[in-house]
Structures are given as structure tokens and as C-alpha cells.
PDB file of all heavy atoms in Angstrom:
ATOM      1  N   VAL A   1       0.852  -1.216  -0.010  1.00  0.00           N
ATOM      2  CA  VAL A   1       0.006   0.003   0.012  1.00  0.00           C
ATOM      3  C   VAL A   1       0.900   1.233   0.020  1.00  0.00           C
ATOM      4  O   VAL A   1       1.864   1.304   0.762  1.00  0.00           O
ATOM      5  CB  VAL A   1      -0.962   0.045   1.244  1.00  0.00           C
ATOM      6  CG1 VAL A   1      -1.867   1.246   1.197  1.00  0.00           C
ATOM      7  CG2 VAL A   1      -1.802  -1.238   1.305  1.00  0.00           C
ATOM      8  N   TRP A   2       0.556   2.209  -0.840  1.00  0.00           N
ATOM      9  CA  TRP A   2       1.324   3.446  -0.914  1.00  0.00           C
ATOM     10  C   TRP A   2       0.384   4.596  -1.065  1.00  0.00           C
ATOM     11  O   TRP A   2      -0.858   4.471  -0.827  1.00  0.00           O
ATOM     12  CB  TRP A   2       2.373   3.421  -1.980  1.00  0.00           C
ATOM     13  CG  TRP A   2       1.818   3.215  -3.407  1.00  0.00           C
ATOM     14  CD1 TRP A   2       1.519   4.183  -4.312  1.00  0.00           C
ATOM     15  CD2 TRP A   2       1.584   1.966  -4.054  1.00  0.00           C
ATOM     16  NE1 TRP A   2       1.094   3.598  -5.468  1.00  0.00           N
ATOM     17  CE2 TRP A   2       1.161   2.234  -5.349  1.00  0.00           C
ATOM     18  CE3 TRP A   2       1.719   0.633  -3.681  1.00  0.00           C
ATOM     19  CZ2 TRP A   2       0.733   1.265  -6.259  1.00  0.00           C
ATOM     20  CZ3 TRP A   2       1.363  -0.348  -4.556  1.00  0.00           C
ATOM     21  CH2 TRP A   2       0.889  -0.038  -5.826  1.00  0.00           C
ATOM     22  N   VAL A   3       0.860   5.781  -1.421  1.00  0.00           N
ATOM     23  CA  VAL A   3       0.046   7.009  -1.399  1.00  0.00           C
ATOM     24  C   VAL A   3       0.234   7.714  -2.754  1.00  0.00           C
ATOM     25  O   VAL A   3       1.298   7.719  -3.355  1.00  0.00           O
ATOM     26  CB  VAL A   3       0.504   7.937  -0.268  1.00  0.00           C
ATOM     27  CG1 VAL A   3      -0.218   9.285  -0.349  1.00  0.00           C
ATOM     28  CG2 VAL A   3       0.224   7.298   1.109  1.00  0.00           C
ATOM     29  N   GLU A   4      -0.870   8.376  -3.182  1.00  0.00           N
ATOM     30  CA  GLU A   4      -0.779   9.336  -4.247  1.00  0.00           C
ATOM     31  C   GLU A   4      -1.220  10.699  -3.727  1.00  0.00           C
ATOM     32  O   GLU A   4      -2.203  10.817  -3.017  1.00  0.00           O
ATOM     33  CB  GLU A   4      -1.709   8.908  -5.445  1.00  0.00           C
ATOM     34  CG  GLU A   4      -1.147   7.713  -6.257  1.00  0.00           C
ATOM     35  CD  GLU A   4      -2.042   7.344  -7.387  1.00  0.00           C
ATOM     36  OE1 GLU A   4      -3.182   7.826  -7.429  1.00  0.00           O
ATOM     37  OE2 GLU A   4      -1.593   6.536  -8.210  1.00  0.00           O
ATOM     38  N   VAL A   5      -0.515  11.717  -4.127  1.00  0.00           N
ATOM     39  CA  VAL A   5      -0.752  13.082  -3.671  1.00  0.00           C
ATOM     40  C   VAL A   5      -0.955  13.998  -4.862  1.00  0.00           C
ATOM     41  O   VAL A   5      -0.208  13.855  -5.859  1.00  0.00           O
ATOM     42  CB  VAL A   5       0.379  13.613  -2.735  1.00  0.00           C
ATOM     43  CG1 VAL A   5       1.732  13.544  -3.426  1.00  0.00           C
ATOM     44  CG2 VAL A   5       0.128  15.054  -2.332  1.00  0.00           C
ATOM     45  N   TRP A   6      -1.909  14.836  -4.819  1.00  0.00           N
ATOM     46  CA  TRP A   6      -2.218  15.760  -5.935  1.00  0.00           C
ATOM     47  C   TRP A   6      -1.400  17.028  -5.777  1.00  0.00           C
ATOM     48  O   TRP A   6      -1.482  17.723  -4.777  1.00  0.00           O
ATOM     49  CB  TRP A   6      -3.735  16.101  -5.989  1.00  0.00           C
ATOM     50  CG  TRP A   6      -4.040  17.097  -7.036  1.00  0.00           C
ATOM     51  CD1 TRP A   6      -4.059  18.455  -6.902  1.00  0.00           C
ATOM     52  CD2 TRP A   6      -4.434  16.814  -8.371  1.00  0.00           C
ATOM     53  NE1 TRP A   6      -4.431  19.063  -8.075  1.00  0.00           N
ATOM     54  CE2 TRP A   6      -4.656  18.053  -9.035  1.00  0.00           C
ATOM     55  CE3 TRP A   6      -4.611  15.657  -9.132  1.00  0.00           C
ATOM     56  CZ2 TRP A   6      -5.028  18.136 -10.340  1.00  0.00           C
ATOM     57  CZ3 TRP A   6      -5.004  15.756 -10.412  1.00  0.00           C
ATOM     58  CH2 TRP A   6      -5.194  16.956 -11.035  1.00  0.00           C
ATOM     59  N   ILE A   7      -0.618  17.326  -6.818  1.00  0.00           N
ATOM     60  CA  ILE A   7       0.145  18.563  -6.818  1.00  0.00           C
ATOM     61  C   ILE A   7      -0.351  19.429  -7.984  1.00  0.00           C
ATOM     62  O   ILE A   7      -0.416  18.958  -9.157  1.00  0.00           O
ATOM     63  CB  ILE A   7       1.674  18.328  -7.029  1.00  0.00           C
ATOM     64  CG1 ILE A   7       2.200  17.459  -5.895  1.00  0.00           C
ATOM     65  CG2 ILE A   7       2.449  19.604  -7.158  1.00  0.00           C
ATOM     66  CD1 ILE A   7       2.041  18.115  -4.512  1.00  0.00           C
ATOM     67  N   GLU A   8      -0.753  20.639  -7.718  1.00  0.00           N
ATOM     68  CA  GLU A   8      -1.348  21.518  -8.714  1.00  0.00           C
ATOM     69  C   GLU A   8      -0.389  21.713  -9.881  1.00  0.00           C
ATOM     70  O   GLU A   8       0.800  22.021  -9.685  1.00  0.00           O
ATOM     71  CB  GLU A   8      -1.687  22.897  -8.085  1.00  0.00           C
ATOM     72  CG  GLU A   8      -2.613  23.715  -8.948  1.00  0.00           C
ATOM     73  CD  GLU A   8      -4.016  23.083  -9.085  1.00  0.00           C
ATOM     74  OE1 GLU A   8      -4.513  22.551  -8.126  1.00  0.00           O
ATOM     75  OE2 GLU A   8      -4.535  23.172 -10.213  1.00  0.00           O
ATOM     76  N   GLY A   9      -0.911  21.447 -11.092  1.00  0.00           N
ATOM     77  CA  GLY A   9      -0.054  21.585 -12.255  1.00  0.00           C
ATOM     78  C   GLY A   9       0.664  20.325 -12.700  1.00  0.00           C
ATOM     79  O   GLY A   9       1.212  20.285 -13.751  1.00  0.00           O
ATOM     80  N   LYS A  10       0.666  19.327 -11.801  1.00  0.00           N
ATOM     81  CA  LYS A  10       1.337  18.073 -12.099  1.00  0.00           C
ATOM     82  C   LYS A  10       0.437  16.867 -12.107  1.00  0.00           C
ATOM     83  O   LYS A  10       0.697  15.875 -12.767  1.00  0.00           O
ATOM     84  CB  LYS A  10       2.508  17.876 -11.084  1.00  0.00           C
ATOM     85  CG  LYS A  10       3.557  18.927 -11.157  1.00  0.00           C
ATOM     86  CD  LYS A  10       4.698  18.572 -10.157  1.00  0.00           C
ATOM     87  CE  LYS A  10       5.774  19.621 -10.225  1.00  0.00           C
ATOM     88  NZ  LYS A  10       6.895  19.322  -9.255  1.00  0.00           N
ATOM     89  N   GLY A  11      -0.647  16.895 -11.299  1.00  0.00           N
ATOM     90  CA  GLY A  11      -1.520  15.765 -11.220  1.00  0.00           C
ATOM     91  C   GLY A  11      -1.200  14.888  -9.986  1.00  0.00           C
ATOM     92  O   GLY A  11      -0.579  15.330  -9.053  1.00  0.00           O
ATOM     93  N   TRP A  12      -1.625  13.625 -10.083  1.00  0.00           N
ATOM     94  CA  TRP A  12      -1.402  12.683  -8.968  1.00  0.00           C
ATOM     95  C   TRP A  12       0.027  12.124  -9.049  1.00  0.00           C
ATOM     96  O   TRP A  12       0.421  11.529 -10.043  1.00  0.00           O
ATOM     97  CB  TRP A  12      -2.384  11.552  -9.030  1.00  0.00           C
ATOM     98  CG  TRP A  12      -3.766  11.907  -8.672  1.00  0.00           C
ATOM     99  CD1 TRP A  12      -4.806  12.140  -9.524  1.00  0.00           C
ATOM    100  CD2 TRP A  12      -4.297  12.193  -7.365  1.00  0.00           C
ATOM    101  NE1 TRP A  12      -5.976  12.452  -8.836  1.00  0.00           N
ATOM    102  CE2 TRP A  12      -5.692  12.484  -7.491  1.00  0.00           C
ATOM    103  CE3 TRP A  12      -3.769  12.152  -6.087  1.00  0.00           C
ATOM    104  CZ2 TRP A  12      -6.512  12.810  -6.424  1.00  0.00           C
ATOM    105  CZ3 TRP A  12      -4.563  12.445  -4.983  1.00  0.00           C
ATOM    106  CH2 TRP A  12      -5.921  12.723  -5.174  1.00  0.00           C
ATOM    107  N   LEU A  13       0.744  12.295  -7.958  1.00  0.00           N
ATOM    108  CA  LEU A  13       2.176  11.810  -7.921  1.00  0.00           C
ATOM    109  C   LEU A  13       2.206  10.651  -6.973  1.00  0.00           C
ATOM    110  O   LEU A  13       1.540  10.637  -5.917  1.00  0.00           O
ATOM    111  CB  LEU A  13       3.134  12.926  -7.413  1.00  0.00           C
ATOM    112  CG  LEU A  13       3.184  14.206  -8.238  1.00  0.00           C
ATOM    113  CD1 LEU A  13       4.233  15.116  -7.685  1.00  0.00           C
ATOM    114  CD2 LEU A  13       3.434  13.934  -9.705  1.00  0.00           C
ATOM    115  N   THR A  14       2.983   9.655  -7.262  1.00  0.00           N
ATOM    116  CA  THR A  14       3.196   8.475  -6.438  1.00  0.00           C
ATOM    117  C   THR A  14       4.252   8.669  -5.396  1.00  0.00           C
ATOM    118  O   THR A  14       5.366   9.098  -5.711  1.00  0.00           O
ATOM    119  CB  THR A  14       3.563   7.258  -7.279  1.00  0.00           C
ATOM    120  OG1 THR A  14       2.512   6.962  -8.193  1.00  0.00           O
ATOM    121  CG2 THR A  14       3.784   5.994  -6.410  1.00  0.00           C
ATOM    122  N   VAL A  15       3.903   8.440  -4.137  1.00  0.00           N
ATOM    123  CA  VAL A  15       4.857   8.567  -3.016  1.00  0.00           C
ATOM    124  C   VAL A  15       4.733   7.287  -2.184  1.00  0.00           C
ATOM    125  O   VAL A  15       3.607   6.999  -1.750  1.00  0.00           O
ATOM    126  CB  VAL A  15       4.652   9.802  -2.189  1.00  0.00           C
ATOM    127  CG1 VAL A  15       5.653   9.842  -1.042  1.00  0.00           C
ATOM    128  CG2 VAL A  15       4.713  11.061  -3.029  1.00  0.00           C
ATOM    129  N   ASP A  16       5.775   6.573  -1.976  1.00  0.00           N
ATOM    130  CA  ASP A  16       5.753   5.409  -1.074  1.00  0.00           C
ATOM    131  C   ASP A  16       6.389   5.753   0.265  1.00  0.00           C
ATOM    132  O   ASP A  16       7.586   5.705   0.394  1.00  0.00           O
ATOM    133  CB  ASP A  16       6.502   4.206  -1.744  1.00  0.00           C
ATOM    134  CG  ASP A  16       6.340   2.932  -0.929  1.00  0.00           C
ATOM    135  OD1 ASP A  16       5.680   2.982   0.118  1.00  0.00           O
ATOM    136  OD2 ASP A  16       6.860   1.902  -1.343  1.00  0.00           O
ATOM    137  N   PRO A  17       5.574   6.105   1.262  1.00  0.00           N
ATOM    138  CA  PRO A  17       6.138   6.505   2.552  1.00  0.00           C
ATOM    139  C   PRO A  17       6.884   5.397   3.251  1.00  0.00           C
ATOM    140  O   PRO A  17       7.675   5.682   4.166  1.00  0.00           O
ATOM    141  CB  PRO A  17       4.885   6.955   3.348  1.00  0.00           C
ATOM    142  CG  PRO A  17       3.775   6.206   2.708  1.00  0.00           C
ATOM    143  CD  PRO A  17       4.123   6.107   1.221  1.00  0.00           C
ATOM    144  N   SER A  18       6.659   4.136   2.902  1.00  0.00           N
ATOM    145  CA  SER A  18       7.390   3.073   3.541  1.00  0.00           C
ATOM    146  C   SER A  18       8.895   3.188   3.308  1.00  0.00           C
ATOM    147  O   SER A  18       9.712   2.642   4.093  1.00  0.00           O
ATOM    148  CB  SER A  18       6.923   1.696   3.029  1.00  0.00           C
ATOM    149  OG  SER A  18       5.578   1.474   3.409  1.00  0.00           O
ATOM    150  N   ARG A  19       9.254   3.900   2.247  1.00  0.00           N
ATOM    151  CA  ARG A  19      10.695   4.067   1.931  1.00  0.00           C
ATOM    152  C   ARG A  19      11.409   4.968   2.943  1.00  0.00           C
ATOM    153  O   ARG A  19      12.633   5.064   2.903  1.00  0.00           O
ATOM    154  CB  ARG A  19      10.855   4.590   0.547  1.00  0.00           C
ATOM    155  CG  ARG A  19      10.541   3.567  -0.548  1.00  0.00           C
ATOM    156  CD  ARG A  19      11.040   4.008  -1.897  1.00  0.00           C
ATOM    157  NE  ARG A  19      10.985   2.902  -2.856  1.00  0.00           N
ATOM    158  CZ  ARG A  19      11.947   2.030  -3.022  1.00  0.00           C
ATOM    159  NH1 ARG A  19      13.003   2.109  -2.310  1.00  0.00           N
ATOM    160  NH2 ARG A  19      11.819   1.053  -3.917  1.00  0.00           N
ATOM    161  N   PHE A  20      10.627   5.656   3.757  1.00  0.00           N
ATOM    162  CA  PHE A  20      11.281   6.487   4.772  1.00  0.00           C
ATOM    163  C   PHE A  20      11.682   5.721   5.992  1.00  0.00           C
ATOM    164  O   PHE A  20      12.284   6.244   6.953  1.00  0.00           O
ATOM    165  CB  PHE A  20      10.326   7.599   5.198  1.00  0.00           C
ATOM    166  CG  PHE A  20      10.009   8.563   4.051  1.00  0.00           C
ATOM    167  CD1 PHE A  20       8.643   8.894   3.803  1.00  0.00           C
ATOM    168  CD2 PHE A  20      10.959   9.089   3.269  1.00  0.00           C
ATOM    169  CE1 PHE A  20       8.374   9.769   2.768  1.00  0.00           C
ATOM    170  CE2 PHE A  20      10.662   9.941   2.219  1.00  0.00           C
ATOM    171  CZ  PHE A  20       9.352  10.274   1.932  1.00  0.00           C
ATOM    172  N   ALA A  21      11.354   4.407   6.033  1.00  0.00           N
ATOM    173  CA  ALA A  21      11.791   3.553   7.130  1.00  0.00           C
ATOM    174  C   ALA A  21      13.277   3.335   7.073  1.00  0.00           C
ATOM    175  O   ALA A  21      13.853   3.262   5.975  1.00  0.00           O
ATOM    176  CB  ALA A  21      11.064   2.192   7.037  1.00  0.00           C
ATOM    177  N   VAL A  22      13.917   3.318   8.212  1.00  0.00           N
ATOM    178  CA  VAL A  22      15.395   3.215   8.221  1.00  0.00           C
ATOM    179  C   VAL A  22      15.824   1.844   7.748  1.00  0.00           C
ATOM    180  O   VAL A  22      17.015   1.656   7.392  1.00  0.00           O
ATOM    181  CB  VAL A  22      15.894   3.419   9.679  1.00  0.00           C
ATOM    182  CG1 VAL A  22      15.586   4.817  10.136  1.00  0.00           C
ATOM    183  CG2 VAL A  22      15.265   2.401  10.665  1.00  0.00           C
ATOM    184  N   ASN A  23      14.911   0.855   7.715  1.00  0.00           N
ATOM    185  CA  ASN A  23      15.266  -0.497   7.245  1.00  0.00           C
ATOM    186  C   ASN A  23      14.334  -0.973   6.175  1.00  0.00           C
ATOM    187  O   ASN A  23      14.002  -2.165   6.124  1.00  0.00           O
ATOM    188  CB  ASN A  23      15.234  -1.467   8.439  1.00  0.00           C
ATOM    189  CG  ASN A  23      13.791  -1.621   8.994  1.00  0.00           C
ATOM    190  OD1 ASN A  23      13.024  -0.684   8.868  1.00  0.00           O
ATOM    191  ND2 ASN A  23      13.541  -2.732   9.607  1.00  0.00           N
ATOM    192  N   PHE A  24      13.883  -0.100   5.276  1.00  0.00           N
ATOM    193  CA  PHE A  24      12.856  -0.441   4.334  1.00  0.00           C
ATOM    194  C   PHE A  24      13.257  -1.579   3.419  1.00  0.00           C
ATOM    195  O   PHE A  24      12.545  -2.592   3.300  1.00  0.00           O
ATOM    196  CB  PHE A  24      12.506   0.764   3.437  1.00  0.00           C
ATOM    197  CG  PHE A  24      11.585   0.417   2.314  1.00  0.00           C
ATOM    198  CD1 PHE A  24      10.252   0.066   2.564  1.00  0.00           C
ATOM    199  CD2 PHE A  24      12.011   0.451   1.000  1.00  0.00           C
ATOM    200  CE1 PHE A  24       9.420  -0.272   1.574  1.00  0.00           C
ATOM    201  CE2 PHE A  24      11.146   0.125  -0.015  1.00  0.00           C
ATOM    202  CZ  PHE A  24       9.830  -0.218   0.251  1.00  0.00           C
TER     203      PHE A  24
END
């Protein structure tokens, strides 16, 4: 499971917050 965030002028961007884990 990951996240999509809407950025004005760009659309939906994919961001995987699990990658911020120190041991991902």
C-alpha cells in the first residue's frame, strides 16, 4: 500500500512513505 498526492499543475504523484523507514 502506498500514497498518491495531488500537486497543482502536475496531477497525482506516487509517493511510497514506507521508503522513509530506516530499514525499508
